[in-house]
């Protein structure tokens, strides 16, 4: 259900009236974030199917969509739960009925620890990663205040050099610090190589993952040798899914972008299997046709993430056109040879980078074919705290 502040907007009311009617996909206010449900459901089924017969759980990352409606689709299809990058995202998911959440970024501060414990006591399954004994002590104190045993995972740097313990020795020190906290319980370890996800070429990507998993394995072996239980070994992503499953180190995987895909992923992965399809689009409208070489669209810098390649037009007749950013509110599209382009034409684009593009919108327009079926809120939009 849309929150009242969104549902009462005139253009949303108009779109909802047209919902279910032929052509309603192309009768919404633009720029708009569009999700093709048929494609998205195929992507979800593909990921679930890859894990059949394997001792590996699927825990999709919601940082890609930040939308409880889509999180529920993933869980209903067989996911063990979800991942969230930030406490704010997790709070919105818990408020909207998601019952199993892992926070994959280390948190710090007494206020953050208190928020984490409020979440942990509100849903059946909640855990957070740590990479520092001071943060573990804060979480332990907050857990003791609530008389609640909080599961934690040790975050391990597998090559990203962003967060995580950097050696088996550091992991052991942190595991001992966790063991000293009577209200913390070590659930396992996390190792995520974000920098590998868009590495071009399957062989190069596999080699990078193999080296990272070697480091990860040395930490796991050291912990187990000292008697620490490591039941959950989590990590991985959309780009490394094949390597993650082949190497067999992880027993839980965290892909996020697989449900949407974007231009960065398709250029890196090419025709590799599994072949996830593009389900997320930004729909724009032609608002000026006065120039001989190009037309102007109503989707500019505020409509797309800009940290990757340019948006790619995917609408029939416009796939050979080139998009360029033309200002905050505007985009430039070179004119097609055919067909003729006119004011009001709707053109949809594969986005450069799905996660930050979605975070520019407060709702997703769900479609099947040319029919708008529903509009759902992106509750976690902007919840980066």
Protein backbone atom coordinates (compact mmCIF):
# COMPACT_ATOMS: atom_id res chain seq x y z
CA UNK A 1 0.00 0.00 0.00
CA UNK A 2 1.28 3.44 -0.91
CA UNK A 3 1.77 5.84 1.99
CA UNK A 4 -0.78 8.68 2.04
CA UNK A 5 1.74 11.36 1.06
CA UNK A 6 2.39 9.47 -2.19
CA UNK A 7 -1.12 8.14 -2.84
CA UNK A 8 -2.68 11.61 -2.77
CA UNK A 9 -0.43 13.01 -5.50
CA UNK A 10 -2.56 13.83 -8.53
CA UNK A 11 -0.43 11.95 -11.05
CA UNK A 12 -0.41 8.83 -8.85
CA UNK A 13 -4.18 8.93 -8.53
CA UNK A 14 -4.45 9.22 -12.31
CA UNK A 15 -2.09 6.29 -12.87
CA UNK A 16 -3.93 4.09 -10.40
CA UNK A 17 -7.22 4.76 -12.16
CA UNK A 18 -5.66 3.46 -15.40
CA UNK A 19 -4.09 0.45 -13.65
CA UNK A 20 -4.93 -2.83 -15.39
CA UNK A 21 -5.91 -1.23 -18.69
CA UNK A 22 -4.04 -1.88 -21.98
CA UNK A 23 -1.33 0.70 -22.63
CA UNK A 24 -1.32 1.98 -19.03
CA UNK A 25 2.44 1.34 -18.83
CA UNK A 26 2.90 4.31 -21.12
CA UNK A 27 0.38 6.64 -19.47
CA UNK A 28 2.26 7.46 -16.27
CA UNK A 29 4.13 10.60 -15.25
CA UNK A 30 7.79 10.57 -16.27
CA UNK A 31 10.59 10.09 -15.52
CA UNK A 32 9.53 6.89 -13.80
CA UNK A 33 11.17 3.73 -12.50
CA UNK A 34 9.56 0.72 -14.21
CA UNK A 35 9.86 -2.93 -13.16
CA UNK A 36 8.75 -5.65 -15.57
CA UNK A 37 7.33 -8.27 -13.21
CA UNK A 38 7.49 -11.14 -15.71
CA UNK A 39 11.23 -10.62 -16.13
CA UNK A 40 11.85 -9.99 -12.44
CA UNK A 41 10.04 -13.20 -11.50
CA UNK A 42 12.17 -15.15 -14.00
CA UNK A 43 15.32 -13.70 -12.44
CA UNK A 44 14.16 -14.69 -8.96
CA UNK A 45 13.32 -18.21 -10.15
CA UNK A 46 16.71 -18.53 -11.89
CA UNK A 47 18.59 -17.69 -8.69
CA UNK A 48 16.49 -20.08 -6.60
CA UNK A 49 16.94 -22.81 -9.19
CA UNK A 50 20.73 -22.48 -9.10
CA UNK A 51 20.75 -23.47 -5.43
CA UNK A 52 18.54 -26.56 -5.72
CA UNK A 53 20.43 -29.58 -4.44
CA UNK A 54 23.15 -27.43 -2.89
CA UNK A 55 23.77 -26.75 0.79
CA UNK A 56 23.69 -23.03 0.12
CA UNK A 57 21.06 -20.56 1.29
CA UNK A 58 19.96 -17.51 -0.68
CA UNK A 59 19.89 -14.24 1.30
CA UNK A 60 19.34 -11.49 -1.30
CA UNK A 61 20.63 -8.00 -0.68
CA UNK A 62 17.90 -5.37 -0.56
CA UNK A 63 20.30 -2.48 -1.12
CA UNK A 64 19.39 -2.89 -4.79
CA UNK A 65 15.65 -2.33 -4.42
CA UNK A 66 14.96 -1.10 -0.85
CA UNK A 67 11.37 -2.22 -1.38
CA UNK A 68 9.51 -4.55 1.01
CA UNK A 69 7.15 -5.72 -1.76
CA UNK A 70 10.08 -7.12 -3.73
CA UNK A 71 11.73 -8.49 -0.57
CA UNK A 72 8.57 -10.46 0.15
CA UNK A 73 8.58 -11.87 -3.40
CA UNK A 74 12.14 -13.08 -2.83
CA UNK A 75 11.36 -14.68 0.54
CA UNK A 76 8.15 -16.28 -0.76
CA UNK A 77 10.20 -17.79 -3.60
CA UNK A 78 12.55 -19.49 -1.16
CA UNK A 79 15.10 -17.00 0.17
CA UNK A 80 16.16 -17.62 3.78
CA UNK A 81 15.90 -13.91 4.54
CA UNK A 82 17.41 -10.67 3.32
CA UNK A 83 20.49 -8.52 3.71
CA UNK A 84 20.45 -4.79 4.36
CA UNK A 85 23.40 -2.44 4.08
CA UNK A 86 22.19 0.02 6.69
CA UNK A 87 20.12 0.10 9.86
CA UNK A 88 17.64 2.49 8.24
CA UNK A 89 16.95 0.02 5.44
CA UNK A 90 16.52 -2.80 7.94
CA UNK A 91 14.10 -0.76 10.03
CA UNK A 92 11.85 -0.20 7.03
CA UNK A 93 11.95 -3.89 6.11
CA UNK A 94 11.10 -4.98 9.65
CA UNK A 95 8.27 -2.46 9.83
CA UNK A 96 6.84 -4.02 6.68
CA UNK A 97 6.90 -7.63 7.78
CA UNK A 98 10.33 -9.00 6.85
CA UNK A 99 11.34 -11.42 9.60
CA UNK A 100 14.98 -12.38 8.88
CA UNK A 101 17.59 -9.65 8.33
CA UNK A 102 21.38 -9.49 8.26
CA UNK A 103 23.08 -6.08 8.43
CA UNK A 104 26.14 -6.45 6.19
CA UNK A 105 27.95 -3.19 7.05
CA UNK A 106 29.69 -2.69 10.41
CA UNK A 107 27.92 -0.18 12.64
CA UNK A 108 29.39 1.99 15.37
CA UNK A 109 28.12 4.19 18.19
CA UNK A 110 25.92 3.71 21.22
CA UNK A 111 22.87 5.01 19.37
CA UNK A 112 23.43 2.59 16.49
CA UNK A 113 23.89 -0.30 18.92
CA UNK A 114 20.61 0.61 20.64
CA UNK A 115 18.80 0.69 17.28
CA UNK A 116 20.24 -2.69 16.37
CA UNK A 117 18.93 -4.19 19.58
CA UNK A 118 15.49 -2.71 19.06
CA UNK A 119 15.42 -4.45 15.69
CA UNK A 120 16.77 -7.69 17.12
CA UNK A 121 14.03 -7.85 19.73
CA UNK A 122 11.31 -6.98 17.20
CA UNK A 123 11.82 -9.76 14.63
CA UNK A 124 12.60 -13.49 14.96
CA UNK A 125 15.97 -13.47 13.19
CA UNK A 126 18.41 -10.56 13.16
CA UNK A 127 22.20 -10.40 12.99
CA UNK A 128 24.87 -7.80 12.36
CA UNK A 129 28.51 -7.96 11.26
CA UNK A 130 31.42 -6.59 13.28
CA UNK A 131 35.08 -6.02 12.46
CA UNK A 132 36.30 -4.32 15.65
CA UNK A 133 36.31 -5.27 19.34
CA UNK A 134 35.16 -1.80 20.44
CA UNK A 135 32.03 -2.10 18.31
CA UNK A 136 31.49 -5.62 19.62
CA UNK A 137 31.67 -4.30 23.19
CA UNK A 138 29.06 -1.65 22.39
CA UNK A 139 26.74 -4.26 20.94
CA UNK A 140 27.35 -6.56 23.89
CA UNK A 141 26.45 -3.81 26.36
CA UNK A 142 23.27 -2.96 24.43
CA UNK A 143 22.32 -6.63 24.27
CA UNK A 144 22.85 -7.00 27.99
CA UNK A 145 20.56 -4.02 28.62
CA UNK A 146 17.83 -5.90 26.75
CA UNK A 147 18.81 -9.31 28.22
CA UNK A 148 18.94 -10.50 24.63
CA UNK A 149 21.48 -12.79 22.93
CA UNK A 150 22.51 -10.97 19.74
CA UNK A 151 23.99 -13.00 16.86
CA UNK A 152 27.01 -11.40 15.20
CA UNK A 153 29.24 -12.34 12.27
CA UNK A 154 32.87 -11.40 11.83
CA UNK A 155 33.34 -9.31 8.71
CA UNK A 156 36.48 -10.39 6.83
CA UNK A 157 38.39 -8.34 4.28
CA UNK A 158 38.76 -10.69 1.29
CA UNK A 159 40.48 -8.11 -0.92
CA UNK A 160 38.20 -5.08 -0.99
CA UNK A 161 40.21 -3.22 1.70
CA UNK A 162 37.04 -1.45 2.82
CA UNK A 163 35.81 -3.19 5.96
CA UNK A 164 36.63 -6.41 7.73
CA UNK A 165 39.45 -8.00 9.71
CA UNK A 166 42.57 -8.34 7.59
CA UNK A 167 44.18 -11.49 8.97
CA UNK A 168 43.41 -14.74 10.81
CA UNK A 169 45.11 -13.28 13.89
CA UNK A 170 42.81 -10.26 13.90
CA UNK A 171 39.80 -12.52 13.42
CA UNK A 172 40.82 -14.60 16.42
CA UNK A 173 41.25 -11.51 18.59
CA UNK A 174 37.77 -10.34 17.61
CA UNK A 175 36.27 -13.80 18.19
CA UNK A 176 37.73 -13.80 21.70
CA UNK A 177 36.30 -10.33 22.32
CA UNK A 178 32.87 -11.58 21.20
CA UNK A 179 33.20 -14.62 23.48
CA UNK A 180 33.84 -12.32 26.44
CA UNK A 181 30.44 -10.73 25.89
CA UNK A 182 27.82 -12.99 27.49
CA UNK A 183 25.02 -11.52 25.36
CA UNK A 184 26.75 -11.90 22.00
CA UNK A 185 26.85 -15.13 20.00
CA UNK A 186 29.21 -15.72 17.08
CA UNK A 187 27.07 -16.93 14.19
CA UNK A 188 29.71 -17.02 11.46
CA UNK A 189 31.73 -14.93 9.04
CA UNK A 190 31.11 -12.67 6.07
CA UNK A 191 33.43 -12.07 3.12
CA UNK A 192 32.24 -9.84 0.29
CA UNK A 193 34.35 -8.83 -2.69
CA UNK A 194 32.45 -5.88 -4.11
CA UNK A 195 35.28 -4.92 -6.45
CA UNK A 196 35.01 -8.29 -8.21
CA UNK A 197 31.38 -7.98 -9.23
CA UNK A 198 32.00 -6.03 -12.44
CA UNK A 199 35.38 -7.53 -13.36
CA UNK A 200 35.17 -8.21 -17.12
CA UNK A 201 35.65 -11.82 -18.17
CA UNK A 202 34.67 -14.98 -16.34
CA UNK A 203 38.24 -16.26 -16.00
CA UNK A 204 39.62 -13.05 -14.50
CA UNK A 205 36.65 -12.80 -12.14
CA UNK A 206 36.98 -16.44 -11.07
CA UNK A 207 40.69 -15.98 -10.36
CA UNK A 208 40.01 -12.93 -8.20
CA UNK A 209 37.29 -14.73 -6.25
CA UNK A 210 39.51 -17.80 -5.79
CA UNK A 211 42.27 -15.69 -4.26
CA UNK A 212 39.80 -13.92 -1.99
CA UNK A 213 38.23 -17.20 -0.90
CA UNK A 214 41.70 -18.54 -0.11
CA UNK A 215 42.15 -15.65 2.35
CA UNK A 216 38.64 -16.20 3.65
CA UNK A 217 39.31 -19.90 4.15
CA UNK A 218 42.43 -19.20 6.19
CA UNK A 219 40.33 -17.13 8.61
CA UNK A 220 37.64 -19.80 8.84
CA UNK A 221 40.23 -22.52 9.48
CA UNK A 222 41.93 -20.47 12.20
CA UNK A 223 38.65 -19.83 13.98
CA UNK A 224 37.60 -23.46 13.86
CA UNK A 225 41.04 -24.65 14.96
CA UNK A 226 40.63 -22.58 18.13
CA UNK A 227 37.21 -24.07 18.79
CA UNK A 228 34.96 -21.33 17.49
CA UNK A 229 31.85 -22.51 15.67
CA UNK A 230 31.39 -20.92 12.23
CA UNK A 231 28.03 -22.21 11.03
CA UNK A 232 27.32 -19.37 8.57
CA UNK A 233 29.77 -18.44 5.82
CA UNK A 234 28.12 -15.67 3.85
CA UNK A 235 29.06 -13.32 1.02
CA UNK A 236 29.14 -13.23 -2.75
CA UNK A 237 27.14 -11.25 -5.26
CA UNK A 238 25.49 -11.18 -8.65
CA UNK A 239 28.68 -10.88 -10.68
CA UNK A 240 30.52 -13.63 -8.82
CA UNK A 241 27.61 -16.06 -8.50
CA UNK A 242 29.12 -18.71 -10.78
CA UNK A 243 32.51 -18.56 -9.05
CA UNK A 244 30.93 -18.49 -5.59
CA UNK A 245 29.01 -21.69 -6.28
CA UNK A 246 31.89 -23.42 -8.06
CA UNK A 247 34.44 -22.73 -5.30
CA UNK A 248 32.06 -23.96 -2.61
CA UNK A 249 33.35 -21.86 0.32
CA UNK A 250 30.11 -20.01 1.00
CA UNK A 251 27.00 -21.62 2.44
CA UNK A 252 24.96 -18.44 2.06
CA UNK A 253 25.05 -16.01 -0.86
CA UNK A 254 24.02 -12.35 -1.02
CA UNK A 255 23.28 -11.32 -4.62
CA UNK A 256 21.30 -8.11 -4.99
CA UNK A 257 21.32 -6.73 -8.52
CA UNK A 258 20.28 -10.03 -10.13
CA UNK A 259 16.60 -9.14 -9.89
CA UNK A 260 17.08 -5.89 -11.87
CA UNK A 261 20.43 -5.99 -13.70
CA UNK A 262 21.94 -2.90 -15.32
CA UNK A 263 24.31 -1.85 -18.06
CA UNK A 264 27.44 -2.26 -15.93
CA UNK A 265 26.60 -5.87 -15.16
CA UNK A 266 25.63 -6.78 -18.69
CA UNK A 267 28.82 -5.29 -20.10
CA UNK A 268 30.91 -7.21 -17.54
CA UNK A 269 29.06 -10.52 -17.73
CA UNK A 270 28.16 -10.61 -21.41
CA UNK A 271 26.42 -13.89 -22.27
CA UNK A 272 27.56 -15.78 -19.20
CA UNK A 273 25.18 -18.23 -17.59
CA UNK A 274 23.10 -17.63 -15.51
CA UNK A 275 21.78 -15.01 -17.87
CA UNK A 276 19.77 -12.64 -15.74
CA UNK A 277 17.63 -10.24 -17.75
CA UNK A 278 16.98 -6.52 -17.43
CA UNK A 279 13.77 -5.93 -15.48
CA UNK A 280 14.37 -2.34 -14.30
CA UNK A 281 13.93 0.57 -16.68
CA UNK A 282 13.60 4.31 -16.49
CA UNK A 283 10.85 5.62 -18.73
CA UNK A 284 11.35 9.11 -20.18
CA UNK A 285 9.29 11.33 -22.46
CA UNK A 286 10.29 13.48 -25.43
CA UNK A 287 9.57 17.11 -24.45
CA UNK A 288 11.31 19.07 -27.25
CA UNK A 289 11.93 18.23 -30.92
CA UNK A 290 13.23 21.56 -32.24
CA UNK A 291 16.84 20.52 -32.91
CA UNK A 292 17.85 18.83 -36.14
CA UNK A 293 20.28 16.31 -34.65
CA UNK A 294 18.62 15.43 -31.35
CA UNK A 295 15.54 15.59 -29.17
CA UNK A 296 15.31 16.48 -25.50
CA UNK A 297 13.92 14.14 -22.83
CA UNK A 298 12.63 14.85 -19.35
CA UNK A 299 15.13 12.47 -17.66
CA UNK A 300 18.53 13.85 -16.78
CA UNK A 301 21.06 13.66 -13.97
CA UNK A 302 18.32 13.33 -11.34
CA UNK A 303 16.78 10.33 -13.10
CA UNK A 304 19.80 8.01 -13.32
CA UNK A 305 22.89 7.08 -11.38
CA UNK A 306 25.84 8.64 -13.18
CA UNK A 307 28.73 6.47 -11.92
CA UNK A 308 28.67 4.10 -14.87
CA UNK A 309 28.16 4.11 -18.62
CA UNK A 310 25.38 6.17 -20.15
CA UNK A 311 21.79 4.92 -19.98
CA UNK A 312 20.99 2.71 -22.96
CA UNK A 313 17.69 3.07 -24.87
CA UNK A 314 15.89 -0.27 -25.19
CA UNK A 315 12.58 0.77 -26.77
CA UNK A 316 12.00 -0.54 -30.28
CA UNK A 317 13.25 1.83 -32.94
CA UNK A 318 15.55 3.74 -30.59
CA UNK A 319 18.20 1.18 -29.68
CA UNK A 320 20.76 2.71 -32.04
CA UNK A 321 20.27 6.18 -30.56
CA UNK A 322 22.76 7.67 -28.11
CA UNK A 323 21.75 9.19 -24.80
CA UNK A 324 23.76 11.96 -23.16
CA UNK A 325 23.15 13.80 -19.92
CA UNK A 326 21.86 17.27 -20.73
CA UNK A 327 21.43 18.81 -17.27
CA UNK A 328 19.73 18.05 -13.99
CA UNK A 329 16.30 17.55 -15.54
CA UNK A 330 17.10 16.82 -19.19
CA UNK A 331 18.57 14.16 -21.40
CA UNK A 332 19.69 14.35 -25.01
CA UNK A 333 18.82 11.56 -27.44
CA UNK A 334 20.21 11.50 -30.94
CA UNK A 335 17.49 11.20 -33.55
CA UNK A 336 16.80 7.73 -34.96
CA UNK A 337 16.94 7.04 -38.67
CA UNK A 338 13.52 5.43 -38.34
CA UNK A 339 10.90 5.86 -37.02
CA UNK A 340 10.01 9.51 -36.85
CA UNK A 341 10.22 10.83 -33.31
CA UNK A 342 7.54 13.09 -31.89
CA UNK A 343 6.63 15.08 -28.84
CA UNK A 344 5.37 12.80 -26.10
CA UNK A 345 7.06 9.64 -27.35
CA UNK A 346 7.93 7.32 -24.44
CA UNK A 347 11.39 5.77 -24.44
CA UNK A 348 12.69 3.34 -21.83
CA UNK A 349 16.31 2.92 -20.79
CA UNK A 350 18.50 0.26 -19.23
CA UNK A 351 20.08 2.10 -16.30
CA UNK A 352 23.85 2.45 -15.73
CA UNK A 353 23.83 1.24 -12.10
CA UNK A 354 20.63 -0.09 -10.60
CA UNK A 355 21.15 0.47 -6.85
CA UNK A 356 21.72 4.25 -6.81
CA UNK A 357 19.24 4.76 -9.66
CA UNK A 358 16.45 3.19 -7.60
CA UNK A 359 17.41 5.41 -4.67
CA UNK A 360 16.42 8.44 -6.79
CA UNK A 361 12.76 7.35 -6.76
CA UNK A 362 10.16 6.90 -4.05
CA UNK A 363 8.04 4.37 -5.95
CA UNK A 364 8.27 1.58 -8.51
CA UNK A 365 5.74 1.14 -11.31
CA UNK A 366 5.15 -2.60 -11.73
CA UNK A 367 4.12 -3.73 -15.20
CA UNK A 368 3.29 -6.83 -17.21
CA UNK A 369 3.60 -6.21 -20.91
CA UNK A 370 2.07 -2.81 -21.60
CA UNK A 371 -0.15 -2.92 -18.50
CA UNK A 372 0.55 -1.11 -15.25
CA UNK A 373 -0.38 -3.58 -12.50
CA UNK A 374 0.63 -1.75 -9.32
CA UNK A 375 2.64 1.10 -7.84
CA UNK A 376 4.66 0.21 -4.73
CA UNK A 377 6.74 2.37 -2.40
CA UNK A 378 10.51 2.17 -2.08
CA UNK A 379 10.39 2.45 1.70
CA UNK A 380 14.16 2.34 2.14
CA UNK A 381 14.81 5.15 -0.31
CA UNK A 382 17.20 7.61 1.34
CA UNK A 383 17.45 5.50 4.52
CA UNK A 384 21.24 5.44 4.58
CA UNK A 385 21.61 6.23 8.28
